[in-house]
């Protein structure tokens, strides 16, 4: 019989802060770069095309002595049943014994680690004197991305927001963004001004940092809209067929990925590969190599840089371990006999 700690979403919100999550995700990228972590092949199954699907991401963190998986399902008809469209669950196991350590609701962990990933791309690849960012997308992930970037780069003074689907949504988002951010991330002062951006081309041309987090399957940010010196963190293209930026950007940009094996088969890099802009024979560098100081990120101020973040299970596992450790020290959550 094993004691397993169970954490629901409210438990996890109590124990995680964005600064610690950014540190944890950075550590994941470095461990992966040092060959102290493994990403296992992703499993994806579509129960009914465009209606219901699920994916499993899994991995092993040798340095942290844990392995595990995250299973996320999307059932588009759930709204009619008063259920969430997305449901995620993470399982964490002891790397030395195989004993289960924790069962966690995956929603908040996913939001935090995904936000941290976009921010890490900006932190290591954007110009240090960057002043403005453009958030493309106003969905669930947008506040996590903005909160994480402003945590990692507090010198930013303007946040432009574009809603690609719903007119007026960006203005509504900007009116409440600061209040929501301060509730989500207590202790952090969000001083940047928020501004809705109806004209995406105009906003992109004014931006030092662009974050995309949408379900788009066609490019929204065109090559000619990206000025020299811009950094782009691509978050939404995490499944085959998804695309948010013009693949021609890859022709001249310095591009980095979270995991070459995964990035080459899904999202932005998949499209660049299919068009012959990128080659399997010459893998793109991973962000962990930049963080570890093994390669340069931005070489000069007028470089265009891209971080293709497809999302890897190692992020979920490390942040889940952080949540489990904090919860245990504070006596938060339930323990069950398994």
C-alpha atoms as a PDB file:
ATOM      1  CA  UNK A   1       0.000   0.000   0.000  1.00  0.00           C
ATOM      2  CA  UNK A   2       1.365   3.420  -0.984  1.00  0.00           C
ATOM      3  CA  UNK A   3       0.556   6.924   0.240  1.00  0.00           C
ATOM      4  CA  UNK A   4      -0.236   9.099  -2.773  1.00  0.00           C
ATOM      5  CA  UNK A   5      -0.795  12.859  -2.520  1.00  0.00           C
ATOM      6  CA  UNK A   6      -3.739  14.176  -4.531  1.00  0.00           C
ATOM      7  CA  UNK A   7      -3.844  17.855  -5.490  1.00  0.00           C
ATOM      8  CA  UNK A   8      -6.819  19.560  -7.090  1.00  0.00           C
ATOM      9  CA  UNK A   9      -6.685  22.834  -8.981  1.00  0.00           C
ATOM     10  CA  UNK A  10      -7.275  25.031  -5.917  1.00  0.00           C
ATOM     11  CA  UNK A  11      -4.504  23.254  -3.992  1.00  0.00           C
ATOM     12  CA  UNK A  12      -2.091  23.873  -6.865  1.00  0.00           C
ATOM     13  CA  UNK A  13      -3.002  27.559  -7.139  1.00  0.00           C
ATOM     14  CA  UNK A  14      -2.106  27.958  -3.451  1.00  0.00           C
ATOM     15  CA  UNK A  15       1.376  26.462  -3.737  1.00  0.00           C
ATOM     16  CA  UNK A  16       2.736  27.632  -7.116  1.00  0.00           C
ATOM     17  CA  UNK A  17       4.158  31.059  -7.949  1.00  0.00           C
ATOM     18  CA  UNK A  18       5.314  32.089 -11.406  1.00  0.00           C
ATOM     19  CA  UNK A  19       8.893  32.939 -10.449  1.00  0.00           C
ATOM     20  CA  UNK A  20       9.469  29.431  -9.061  1.00  0.00           C
ATOM     21  CA  UNK A  21       7.769  27.837 -12.064  1.00  0.00           C
ATOM     22  CA  UNK A  22      10.009  29.759 -14.481  1.00  0.00           C
ATOM     23  CA  UNK A  23      13.060  28.528 -12.533  1.00  0.00           C
ATOM     24  CA  UNK A  24      11.745  24.934 -12.644  1.00  0.00           C
ATOM     25  CA  UNK A  25      11.112  25.001 -16.399  1.00  0.00           C
ATOM     26  CA  UNK A  26      14.549  26.520 -17.053  1.00  0.00           C
ATOM     27  CA  UNK A  27      16.059  23.656 -15.058  1.00  0.00           C
ATOM     28  CA  UNK A  28      14.124  21.160 -17.190  1.00  0.00           C
ATOM     29  CA  UNK A  29      15.560  22.592 -20.399  1.00  0.00           C
ATOM     30  CA  UNK A  30      19.101  22.462 -19.005  1.00  0.00           C
ATOM     31  CA  UNK A  31      18.714  18.872 -17.739  1.00  0.00           C
ATOM     32  CA  UNK A  32      17.438  17.843 -21.152  1.00  0.00           C
ATOM     33  CA  UNK A  33      20.424  19.538 -22.783  1.00  0.00           C
ATOM     34  CA  UNK A  34      22.763  17.675 -20.399  1.00  0.00           C
ATOM     35  CA  UNK A  35      21.135  14.329 -21.320  1.00  0.00           C
ATOM     36  CA  UNK A  36      19.754  13.928 -17.792  1.00  0.00           C
ATOM     37  CA  UNK A  37      16.146  13.758 -18.954  1.00  0.00           C
ATOM     38  CA  UNK A  38      14.199  11.861 -21.598  1.00  0.00           C
ATOM     39  CA  UNK A  39      11.086  12.823 -23.546  1.00  0.00           C
ATOM     40  CA  UNK A  40       9.056   9.800 -24.658  1.00  0.00           C
ATOM     41  CA  UNK A  41       7.079   9.761 -27.938  1.00  0.00           C
ATOM     42  CA  UNK A  42       3.755  11.577 -27.713  1.00  0.00           C
ATOM     43  CA  UNK A  43       0.549   9.561 -28.051  1.00  0.00           C
ATOM     44  CA  UNK A  44      -2.405  11.200 -29.802  1.00  0.00           C
ATOM     45  CA  UNK A  45      -5.790   9.718 -30.585  1.00  0.00           C
ATOM     46  CA  UNK A  46      -8.812  11.365 -32.184  1.00  0.00           C
ATOM     47  CA  UNK A  47     -12.020   9.701 -31.023  1.00  0.00           C
ATOM     48  CA  UNK A  48     -14.013  11.775 -33.515  1.00  0.00           C
ATOM     49  CA  UNK A  49     -12.357  14.322 -35.798  1.00  0.00           C
ATOM     50  CA  UNK A  50     -12.979  17.859 -34.601  1.00  0.00           C
ATOM     51  CA  UNK A  51     -15.188  16.600 -31.766  1.00  0.00           C
ATOM     52  CA  UNK A  52     -13.091  14.634 -29.270  1.00  0.00           C
ATOM     53  CA  UNK A  53      -9.419  13.720 -28.869  1.00  0.00           C
ATOM     54  CA  UNK A  54      -6.754  13.026 -26.286  1.00  0.00           C
ATOM     55  CA  UNK A  55      -2.963  13.108 -26.016  1.00  0.00           C
ATOM     56  CA  UNK A  56      -0.428  11.642 -23.609  1.00  0.00           C
ATOM     57  CA  UNK A  57       2.943  13.299 -23.007  1.00  0.00           C
ATOM     58  CA  UNK A  58       5.432  11.464 -20.810  1.00  0.00           C
ATOM     59  CA  UNK A  59       9.054  11.510 -19.742  1.00  0.00           C
ATOM     60  CA  UNK A  60      11.781  10.803 -17.192  1.00  0.00           C
ATOM     61  CA  UNK A  61      13.817  13.309 -15.150  1.00  0.00           C
ATOM     62  CA  UNK A  62      16.856  11.426 -13.869  1.00  0.00           C
ATOM     63  CA  UNK A  63      18.197  14.336 -11.832  1.00  0.00           C
ATOM     64  CA  UNK A  64      14.850  14.819 -10.063  1.00  0.00           C
ATOM     65  CA  UNK A  65      14.262  11.055  -9.627  1.00  0.00           C
ATOM     66  CA  UNK A  66      10.795  11.145 -11.165  1.00  0.00           C
ATOM     67  CA  UNK A  67       8.992   9.896 -14.254  1.00  0.00           C
ATOM     68  CA  UNK A  68       5.380  10.174 -15.286  1.00  0.00           C
ATOM     69  CA  UNK A  69       2.790  11.344 -17.729  1.00  0.00           C
ATOM     70  CA  UNK A  70       0.120  13.916 -18.435  1.00  0.00           C
ATOM     71  CA  UNK A  71      -3.089  12.906 -20.196  1.00  0.00           C
ATOM     72  CA  UNK A  72      -5.206  15.707 -21.653  1.00  0.00           C
ATOM     73  CA  UNK A  73      -8.556  15.148 -23.340  1.00  0.00           C
ATOM     74  CA  UNK A  74     -10.650  17.583 -25.349  1.00  0.00           C
ATOM     75  CA  UNK A  75     -14.355  16.831 -25.805  1.00  0.00           C
ATOM     76  CA  UNK A  76     -16.040  19.612 -27.742  1.00  0.00           C
ATOM     77  CA  UNK A  77     -19.565  18.595 -26.691  1.00  0.00           C
ATOM     78  CA  UNK A  78     -18.792  18.867 -22.964  1.00  0.00           C
ATOM     79  CA  UNK A  79     -20.035  22.447 -22.778  1.00  0.00           C
ATOM     80  CA  UNK A  80     -23.581  21.164 -23.364  1.00  0.00           C
ATOM     81  CA  UNK A  81     -23.077  18.814 -20.400  1.00  0.00           C
ATOM     82  CA  UNK A  82     -21.795  21.590 -18.125  1.00  0.00           C
ATOM     83  CA  UNK A  83     -18.327  20.041 -18.155  1.00  0.00           C
ATOM     84  CA  UNK A  84     -14.969  21.604 -19.117  1.00  0.00           C
ATOM     85  CA  UNK A  85     -13.849  21.072 -22.707  1.00  0.00           C
ATOM     86  CA  UNK A  86     -10.304  20.282 -21.613  1.00  0.00           C
ATOM     87  CA  UNK A  87      -9.565  17.832 -18.807  1.00  0.00           C
ATOM     88  CA  UNK A  88      -6.024  16.978 -17.796  1.00  0.00           C
ATOM     89  CA  UNK A  89      -4.492  14.658 -15.203  1.00  0.00           C
ATOM     90  CA  UNK A  90      -0.837  14.205 -14.272  1.00  0.00           C
ATOM     91  CA  UNK A  91       0.694  11.143 -12.612  1.00  0.00           C
ATOM     92  CA  UNK A  92       4.137  11.378 -10.980  1.00  0.00           C
ATOM     93  CA  UNK A  93       6.185   8.317  -9.981  1.00  0.00           C
ATOM     94  CA  UNK A  94       9.381   7.818  -7.974  1.00  0.00           C
ATOM     95  CA  UNK A  95      12.282   7.301 -10.376  1.00  0.00           C
ATOM     96  CA  UNK A  96      14.094   4.823  -8.121  1.00  0.00           C
ATOM     97  CA  UNK A  97      11.207   2.582  -7.052  1.00  0.00           C
ATOM     98  CA  UNK A  98       8.333   3.185  -9.489  1.00  0.00           C
ATOM     99  CA  UNK A  99       6.081   3.991  -6.529  1.00  0.00           C
ATOM    100  CA  UNK A 100       3.366   6.560  -7.369  1.00  0.00           C
ATOM    101  CA  UNK A 101       4.006   9.907  -5.674  1.00  0.00           C
ATOM    102  CA  UNK A 102       1.200  12.141  -6.815  1.00  0.00           C
ATOM    103  CA  UNK A 103      -2.007  12.568  -8.787  1.00  0.00           C
ATOM    104  CA  UNK A 104      -2.665  16.147  -9.882  1.00  0.00           C
ATOM    105  CA  UNK A 105      -5.236  18.128 -11.795  1.00  0.00           C
ATOM    106  CA  UNK A 106      -3.251  19.284 -14.819  1.00  0.00           C
ATOM    107  CA  UNK A 107      -5.050  22.502 -15.769  1.00  0.00           C
ATOM    108  CA  UNK A 108      -3.241  25.055 -13.603  1.00  0.00           C
ATOM    109  CA  UNK A 109       0.132  23.315 -13.885  1.00  0.00           C
ATOM    110  CA  UNK A 110      -0.243  23.374 -17.676  1.00  0.00           C
ATOM    111  CA  UNK A 111      -1.169  27.054 -17.665  1.00  0.00           C
ATOM    112  CA  UNK A 112       1.783  27.968 -15.451  1.00  0.00           C
ATOM    113  CA  UNK A 113       4.434  25.880 -17.217  1.00  0.00           C
ATOM    114  CA  UNK A 114       3.248  26.978 -20.668  1.00  0.00           C
ATOM    115  CA  UNK A 115       3.341  30.614 -19.601  1.00  0.00           C
ATOM    116  CA  UNK A 116       6.820  30.065 -18.195  1.00  0.00           C
ATOM    117  CA  UNK A 117       7.999  28.539 -21.491  1.00  0.00           C
ATOM    118  CA  UNK A 118       6.910  31.560 -23.528  1.00  0.00           C
ATOM    119  CA  UNK A 119       8.571  33.870 -21.019  1.00  0.00           C
ATOM    120  CA  UNK A 120      11.823  31.885 -21.055  1.00  0.00           C
ATOM    121  CA  UNK A 121      11.952  32.255 -24.828  1.00  0.00           C
ATOM    122  CA  UNK A 122      11.642  36.028 -24.403  1.00  0.00           C
ATOM    123  CA  UNK A 123      14.070  36.181 -21.470  1.00  0.00           C
ATOM    124  CA  UNK A 124      16.898  34.472 -23.366  1.00  0.00           C
ATOM    125  CA  UNK A 125      16.209  35.535 -26.949  1.00  0.00           C
ATOM    126  CA  UNK A 126      14.566  38.989 -26.904  1.00  0.00           C
ATOM    127  CA  UNK A 127      16.565  42.209 -26.775  1.00  0.00           C
ATOM    128  CA  UNK A 128      17.279  43.192 -23.173  1.00  0.00           C
ATOM    129  CA  UNK A 129      15.965  46.706 -23.831  1.00  0.00           C
ATOM    130  CA  UNK A 130      12.614  45.453 -25.180  1.00  0.00           C
ATOM    131  CA  UNK A 131       9.726  47.710 -24.202  1.00  0.00           C
ATOM    132  CA  UNK A 132       6.602  46.318 -25.869  1.00  0.00           C
ATOM    133  CA  UNK A 133       4.982  42.940 -26.358  1.00  0.00           C
ATOM    134  CA  UNK A 134       2.085  41.751 -28.492  1.00  0.00           C
ATOM    135  CA  UNK A 135      -0.155  38.968 -27.218  1.00  0.00           C
ATOM    136  CA  UNK A 136      -1.951  37.243 -30.102  1.00  0.00           C
ATOM    137  CA  UNK A 137      -4.876  35.382 -28.587  1.00  0.00           C
ATOM    138  CA  UNK A 138      -7.217  36.166 -25.692  1.00  0.00           C
ATOM    139  CA  UNK A 139      -8.026  32.631 -24.575  1.00  0.00           C
ATOM    140  CA  UNK A 140      -7.229  30.783 -21.350  1.00  0.00           C
ATOM    141  CA  UNK A 141      -3.467  30.848 -21.963  1.00  0.00           C
ATOM    142  CA  UNK A 142      -3.162  34.602 -22.641  1.00  0.00           C
ATOM    143  CA  UNK A 143      -3.031  35.753 -18.996  1.00  0.00           C
ATOM    144  CA  UNK A 144      -0.471  33.066 -18.138  1.00  0.00           C
ATOM    145  CA  UNK A 145       1.735  34.215 -21.029  1.00  0.00           C
ATOM    146  CA  UNK A 146       1.485  37.890 -20.155  1.00  0.00           C
ATOM    147  CA  UNK A 147       1.989  37.287 -16.435  1.00  0.00           C
ATOM    148  CA  UNK A 148       5.040  35.122 -17.061  1.00  0.00           C
ATOM    149  CA  UNK A 149       6.667  37.515 -19.550  1.00  0.00           C
ATOM    150  CA  UNK A 150       6.142  40.495 -17.228  1.00  0.00           C
ATOM    151  CA  UNK A 151       7.602  38.450 -14.362  1.00  0.00           C
ATOM    152  CA  UNK A 152      10.695  37.544 -16.382  1.00  0.00           C
ATOM    153  CA  UNK A 153      11.022  40.970 -18.055  1.00  0.00           C
ATOM    154  CA  UNK A 154       9.623  43.609 -15.674  1.00  0.00           C
ATOM    155  CA  UNK A 155      11.021  46.435 -17.843  1.00  0.00           C
ATOM    156  CA  UNK A 156       8.282  46.037 -20.455  1.00  0.00           C
ATOM    157  CA  UNK A 157       6.009  49.074 -20.464  1.00  0.00           C
ATOM    158  CA  UNK A 158       3.338  48.183 -23.043  1.00  0.00           C
ATOM    159  CA  UNK A 159       1.253  45.060 -23.713  1.00  0.00           C
ATOM    160  CA  UNK A 160      -0.761  45.045 -26.934  1.00  0.00           C
ATOM    161  CA  UNK A 161      -3.478  42.403 -27.244  1.00  0.00           C
ATOM    162  CA  UNK A 162      -5.059  41.076 -30.432  1.00  0.00           C
ATOM    163  CA  UNK A 163      -8.086  38.800 -30.638  1.00  0.00           C
ATOM    164  CA  UNK A 164      -7.969  36.994 -33.995  1.00  0.00           C
ATOM    165  CA  UNK A 165     -11.511  35.643 -33.811  1.00  0.00           C
ATOM    166  CA  UNK A 166     -13.819  37.978 -31.906  1.00  0.00           C
ATOM    167  CA  UNK A 167     -14.002  41.707 -32.586  1.00  0.00           C
ATOM    168  CA  UNK A 168     -14.060  43.706 -29.355  1.00  0.00           C
ATOM    169  CA  UNK A 169     -12.678  40.828 -27.264  1.00  0.00           C
ATOM    170  CA  UNK A 170      -9.230  42.442 -26.979  1.00  0.00           C
ATOM    171  CA  UNK A 171     -10.695  45.665 -25.582  1.00  0.00           C
ATOM    172  CA  UNK A 172     -12.704  43.713 -23.002  1.00  0.00           C
ATOM    173  CA  UNK A 173      -9.600  41.670 -22.142  1.00  0.00           C
ATOM    174  CA  UNK A 174      -7.442  44.769 -21.596  1.00  0.00           C
ATOM    175  CA  UNK A 175      -9.977  46.406 -19.267  1.00  0.00           C
ATOM    176  CA  UNK A 176      -9.776  43.555 -16.756  1.00  0.00           C
ATOM    177  CA  UNK A 177      -6.266  42.196 -17.397  1.00  0.00           C
ATOM    178  CA  UNK A 178      -4.401  43.966 -14.566  1.00  0.00           C
ATOM    179  CA  UNK A 179      -6.953  43.023 -11.912  1.00  0.00           C
ATOM    180  CA  UNK A 180      -6.955  39.399 -13.054  1.00  0.00           C
ATOM    181  CA  UNK A 181      -3.166  39.231 -13.201  1.00  0.00           C
ATOM    182  CA  UNK A 182      -2.789  40.608  -9.688  1.00  0.00           C
ATOM    183  CA  UNK A 183      -5.208  37.966  -8.387  1.00  0.00           C
ATOM    184  CA  UNK A 184      -3.472  35.165 -10.304  1.00  0.00           C
ATOM    185  CA  UNK A 185       0.037  36.241  -9.323  1.00  0.00           C
ATOM    186  CA  UNK A 186      -0.085  37.930  -5.907  1.00  0.00           C
ATOM    187  CA  UNK A 187       2.947  39.960  -4.925  1.00  0.00           C
ATOM    188  CA  UNK A 188       3.828  41.001  -8.477  1.00  0.00           C
ATOM    189  CA  UNK A 189       3.169  44.597  -9.542  1.00  0.00           C
ATOM    190  CA  UNK A 190       2.020  44.804 -13.147  1.00  0.00           C
ATOM    191  CA  UNK A 191       2.880  48.330 -14.268  1.00  0.00           C
ATOM    192  CA  UNK A 192       2.708  47.880 -18.047  1.00  0.00           C
ATOM    193  CA  UNK A 193      -0.065  49.626 -19.975  1.00  0.00           C
ATOM    194  CA  UNK A 194      -2.552  47.419 -21.819  1.00  0.00           C
ATOM    195  CA  UNK A 195      -3.769  48.342 -25.280  1.00  0.00           C
ATOM    196  CA  UNK A 196      -6.160  46.493 -27.620  1.00  0.00           C
ATOM    197  CA  UNK A 197      -4.746  45.979 -31.109  1.00  0.00           C
ATOM    198  CA  UNK A 198      -7.363  45.590 -33.831  1.00  0.00           C
ATOM    199  CA  UNK A 199      -4.824  45.941 -36.653  1.00  0.00           C
ATOM    200  CA  UNK A 200      -2.505  42.944 -36.276  1.00  0.00           C
ATOM    201  CA  UNK A 201      -0.012  44.110 -38.908  1.00  0.00           C
ATOM    202  CA  UNK A 202       0.386  47.518 -37.270  1.00  0.00           C
ATOM    203  CA  UNK A 203       0.777  45.968 -33.795  1.00  0.00           C
ATOM    204  CA  UNK A 204       3.358  43.414 -34.995  1.00  0.00           C
ATOM    205  CA  UNK A 205       5.458  46.164 -36.561  1.00  0.00           C
ATOM    206  CA  UNK A 206       5.470  48.034 -33.211  1.00  0.00           C
ATOM    207  CA  UNK A 207       6.352  44.996 -31.080  1.00  0.00           C
ATOM    208  CA  UNK A 208       9.682  43.934 -29.628  1.00  0.00           C
ATOM    209  CA  UNK A 209       8.221  40.619 -28.423  1.00  0.00           C
ATOM    210  CA  UNK A 210       5.350  38.673 -30.001  1.00  0.00           C
ATOM    211  CA  UNK A 211       3.653  35.772 -28.209  1.00  0.00           C
ATOM    212  CA  UNK A 212       1.168  33.634 -30.155  1.00  0.00           C
ATOM    213  CA  UNK A 213      -1.238  31.340 -28.309  1.00  0.00           C
ATOM    214  CA  UNK A 214      -4.125  30.389 -30.584  1.00  0.00           C
ATOM    215  CA  UNK A 215      -5.534  27.233 -32.230  1.00  0.00           C
ATOM    216  CA  UNK A 216      -4.771  28.650 -35.700  1.00  0.00           C
ATOM    217  CA  UNK A 217      -4.056  26.369 -38.659  1.00  0.00           C
ATOM    218  CA  UNK A 218      -2.788  29.121 -40.934  1.00  0.00           C
ATOM    219  CA  UNK A 219      -0.141  31.836 -40.461  1.00  0.00           C
ATOM    220  CA  UNK A 220      -1.321  35.013 -38.762  1.00  0.00           C
ATOM    221  CA  UNK A 221       2.039  36.809 -38.434  1.00  0.00           C
ATOM    222  CA  UNK A 222       3.499  37.383 -41.906  1.00  0.00           C
ATOM    223  CA  UNK A 223       7.210  37.712 -42.638  1.00  0.00           C
ATOM    224  CA  UNK A 224       6.972  41.318 -43.831  1.00  0.00           C
ATOM    225  CA  UNK A 225       5.281  42.331 -40.564  1.00  0.00           C
ATOM    226  CA  UNK A 226       8.243  41.334 -38.399  1.00  0.00           C
ATOM    227  CA  UNK A 227      10.774  44.120 -37.903  1.00  0.00           C
ATOM    228  CA  UNK A 228      14.488  43.453 -37.281  1.00  0.00           C
ATOM    229  CA  UNK A 229      15.192  42.741 -33.605  1.00  0.00           C
ATOM    230  CA  UNK A 230      11.831  41.113 -32.879  1.00  0.00           C
ATOM    231  CA  UNK A 231      11.485  37.963 -30.791  1.00  0.00           C
ATOM    232  CA  UNK A 232       8.555  35.539 -31.289  1.00  0.00           C
ATOM    233  CA  UNK A 233       7.525  32.793 -28.852  1.00  0.00           C
ATOM    234  CA  UNK A 234       5.151  30.393 -30.643  1.00  0.00           C
ATOM    235  CA  UNK A 235       2.912  28.595 -28.143  1.00  0.00           C
ATOM    236  CA  UNK A 236      -0.292  27.527 -29.874  1.00  0.00           C
ATOM    237  CA  UNK A 237       1.070  25.225 -32.595  1.00  0.00           C
ATOM    238  CA  UNK A 238       1.396  22.109 -30.450  1.00  0.00           C
ATOM    239  CA  UNK A 239      -0.237  19.564 -32.766  1.00  0.00           C
ATOM    240  CA  UNK A 240       0.339  18.518 -36.361  1.00  0.00           C
ATOM    241  CA  UNK A 241      -1.340  20.909 -38.789  1.00  0.00           C
ATOM    242  CA  UNK A 242      -1.370  23.923 -36.485  1.00  0.00           C
ATOM    243  CA  UNK A 243       0.458  27.077 -37.578  1.00  0.00           C
ATOM    244  CA  UNK A 244       0.590  30.658 -36.270  1.00  0.00           C
ATOM    245  CA  UNK A 245       3.528  32.311 -38.064  1.00  0.00           C
ATOM    246  CA  UNK A 246       4.632  32.535 -41.689  1.00  0.00           C
ATOM    247  CA  UNK A 247       7.111  29.719 -42.352  1.00  0.00           C
ATOM    248  CA  UNK A 248       9.191  32.209 -44.396  1.00  0.00           C
ATOM    249  CA  UNK A 249      10.245  33.753 -41.069  1.00  0.00           C
ATOM    250  CA  UNK A 250      12.385  30.617 -40.621  1.00  0.00           C
ATOM    251  CA  UNK A 251      14.477  31.597 -43.669  1.00  0.00           C
ATOM    252  CA  UNK A 252      16.237  34.445 -41.868  1.00  0.00           C
ATOM    253  CA  UNK A 253      15.431  34.055 -38.153  1.00  0.00           C
ATOM    254  CA  UNK A 254      17.503  32.373 -35.454  1.00  0.00           C
ATOM    255  CA  UNK A 255      15.104  29.588 -34.431  1.00  0.00           C
ATOM    256  CA  UNK A 256      15.216  27.506 -31.246  1.00  0.00           C
ATOM    257  CA  UNK A 257      12.948  24.653 -30.117  1.00  0.00           C
ATOM    258  CA  UNK A 258      12.126  22.925 -26.829  1.00  0.00           C
ATOM    259  CA  UNK A 259      12.584  19.398 -28.235  1.00  0.00           C
ATOM    260  CA  UNK A 260      13.793  18.751 -31.766  1.00  0.00           C
ATOM    261  CA  UNK A 261      12.098  15.356 -32.090  1.00  0.00           C
ATOM    262  CA  UNK A 262       8.713  16.779 -31.139  1.00  0.00           C
ATOM    263  CA  UNK A 263       9.069  20.164 -32.844  1.00  0.00           C
ATOM    264  CA  UNK A 264       9.989  18.521 -36.140  1.00  0.00           C
ATOM    265  CA  UNK A 265       6.716  16.596 -36.183  1.00  0.00           C
ATOM    266  CA  UNK A 266       4.223  19.194 -34.936  1.00  0.00           C
ATOM    267  CA  UNK A 267       3.518  22.889 -35.289  1.00  0.00           C
ATOM    268  CA  UNK A 268       5.628  25.674 -36.704  1.00  0.00           C
ATOM    269  CA  UNK A 269       8.756  23.655 -37.399  1.00  0.00           C
ATOM    270  CA  UNK A 270       6.751  20.862 -39.032  1.00  0.00           C
ATOM    271  CA  UNK A 271       5.490  23.377 -41.608  1.00  0.00           C
ATOM    272  CA  UNK A 272       8.971  24.789 -42.238  1.00  0.00           C
ATOM    273  CA  UNK A 273      10.240  21.236 -42.758  1.00  0.00           C
ATOM    274  CA  UNK A 274       7.475  20.352 -45.209  1.00  0.00           C
ATOM    275  CA  UNK A 275       8.322  23.467 -47.261  1.00  0.00           C
ATOM    276  CA  UNK A 276      12.043  22.586 -47.348  1.00  0.00           C
ATOM    277  CA  UNK A 277      13.105  25.617 -45.307  1.00  0.00           C
ATOM    278  CA  UNK A 278      14.444  23.434 -42.487  1.00  0.00           C
ATOM    279  CA  UNK A 279      16.126  20.040 -42.901  1.00  0.00           C
ATOM    280  CA  UNK A 280      15.994  16.948 -40.697  1.00  0.00           C
ATOM    281  CA  UNK A 281      19.703  16.575 -41.417  1.00  0.00           C
ATOM    282  CA  UNK A 282      20.405  19.842 -39.572  1.00  0.00           C
ATOM    283  CA  UNK A 283      18.424  19.858 -36.303  1.00  0.00           C
ATOM    284  CA  UNK A 284      17.495  23.238 -34.895  1.00  0.00           C
ATOM    285  CA  UNK A 285      19.151  24.081 -31.557  1.00  0.00           C
ATOM    286  CA  UNK A 286      17.207  23.615 -28.324  1.00  0.00           C
ATOM    287  CA  UNK A 287      16.584  26.414 -25.834  1.00  0.00           C
ATOM    288  CA  UNK A 288      18.356  24.432 -23.090  1.00  0.00           C
ATOM    289  CA  UNK A 289      21.643  24.898 -24.948  1.00  0.00           C
ATOM    290  CA  UNK A 290      21.179  28.663 -24.742  1.00  0.00           C
ATOM    291  CA  UNK A 291      20.276  28.643 -21.041  1.00  0.00           C
ATOM    292  CA  UNK A 292      23.277  26.401 -20.274  1.00  0.00           C
ATOM    293  CA  UNK A 293      25.579  28.802 -22.132  1.00  0.00           C
ATOM    294  CA  UNK A 294      26.599  26.225 -24.732  1.00  0.00           C
ATOM    295  CA  UNK A 295      25.441  28.304 -27.700  1.00  0.00           C
ATOM    296  CA  UNK A 296      24.478  31.918 -28.268  1.00  0.00           C
ATOM    297  CA  UNK A 297      20.836  32.904 -28.486  1.00  0.00           C
ATOM    298  CA  UNK A 298      20.573  36.386 -29.936  1.00  0.00           C
ATOM    299  CA  UNK A 299      23.819  37.269 -31.732  1.00  0.00           C
ATOM    300  CA  UNK A 300      23.022  40.893 -32.523  1.00  0.00           C
ATOM    301  CA  UNK A 301      20.306  43.468 -31.883  1.00  0.00           C
ATOM    302  CA  UNK A 302      18.693  43.217 -35.312  1.00  0.00           C
ATOM    303  CA  UNK A 303      18.340  39.421 -35.239  1.00  0.00           C
ATOM    304  CA  UNK A 304      14.824  38.042 -35.514  1.00  0.00           C
ATOM    305  CA  UNK A 305      14.542  35.179 -33.025  1.00  0.00           C
ATOM    306  CA  UNK A 306      11.898  32.462 -32.707  1.00  0.00           C
ATOM    307  CA  UNK A 307      11.207  29.965 -29.928  1.00  0.00           C
ATOM    308  CA  UNK A 308       8.991  27.116 -31.105  1.00  0.00           C
ATOM    309  CA  UNK A 309       7.528  25.776 -27.855  1.00  0.00           C
ATOM    310  CA  UNK A 310       5.550  22.593 -28.470  1.00  0.00           C
ATOM    311  CA  UNK A 311       5.274  21.723 -24.761  1.00  0.00           C
ATOM    312  CA  UNK A 312       7.016  18.689 -23.269  1.00  0.00           C
ATOM    313  CA  UNK A 313       6.031  16.389 -20.413  1.00  0.00           C
ATOM    314  CA  UNK A 314       9.224  17.204 -18.515  1.00  0.00           C
ATOM    315  CA  UNK A 315       7.819  20.661 -17.798  1.00  0.00           C
ATOM    316  CA  UNK A 316       4.649  19.175 -16.325  1.00  0.00           C
ATOM    317  CA  UNK A 317       6.586  16.665 -14.250  1.00  0.00           C
ATOM    318  CA  UNK A 318       9.038  19.161 -12.763  1.00  0.00           C
ATOM    319  CA  UNK A 319       6.338  21.712 -11.950  1.00  0.00           C
ATOM    320  CA  UNK A 320       4.118  18.945 -10.527  1.00  0.00           C
ATOM    321  CA  UNK A 321       7.007  17.837  -8.309  1.00  0.00           C
ATOM    322  CA  UNK A 322       7.415  21.438  -7.167  1.00  0.00           C
ATOM    323  CA  UNK A 323       3.701  21.557  -6.306  1.00  0.00           C
ATOM    324  CA  UNK A 324       3.829  18.200  -4.502  1.00  0.00           C
ATOM    325  CA  UNK A 325       6.877  19.213  -2.437  1.00  0.00           C
ATOM    326  CA  UNK A 326       5.314  22.545  -1.463  1.00  0.00           C
ATOM    327  CA  UNK A 327       1.971  20.906  -0.658  1.00  0.00           C
ATOM    328  CA  UNK A 328       3.633  18.306   1.545  1.00  0.00           C
ATOM    329  CA  UNK A 329       5.555  20.947   3.499  1.00  0.00           C
ATOM    330  CA  UNK A 330       2.364  22.959   4.048  1.00  0.00           C
ATOM    331  CA  UNK A 331       0.053  19.984   4.644  1.00  0.00           C
ATOM    332  CA  UNK A 332      -2.094  20.843   1.607  1.00  0.00           C
ATOM    333  CA  UNK A 333      -4.070  18.284  -0.407  1.00  0.00           C
ATOM    334  CA  UNK A 334      -5.227  14.773   0.431  1.00  0.00           C
ATOM    335  CA  UNK A 335      -3.285  11.545   0.742  1.00  0.00           C
ATOM    336  CA  UNK A 336      -4.853   8.272  -0.288  1.00  0.00           C
ATOM    337  CA  UNK A 337      -3.811   4.637   0.158  1.00  0.00           C
ATOM    338  CA  UNK A 338      -3.275   2.973  -3.166  1.00  0.00           C
END
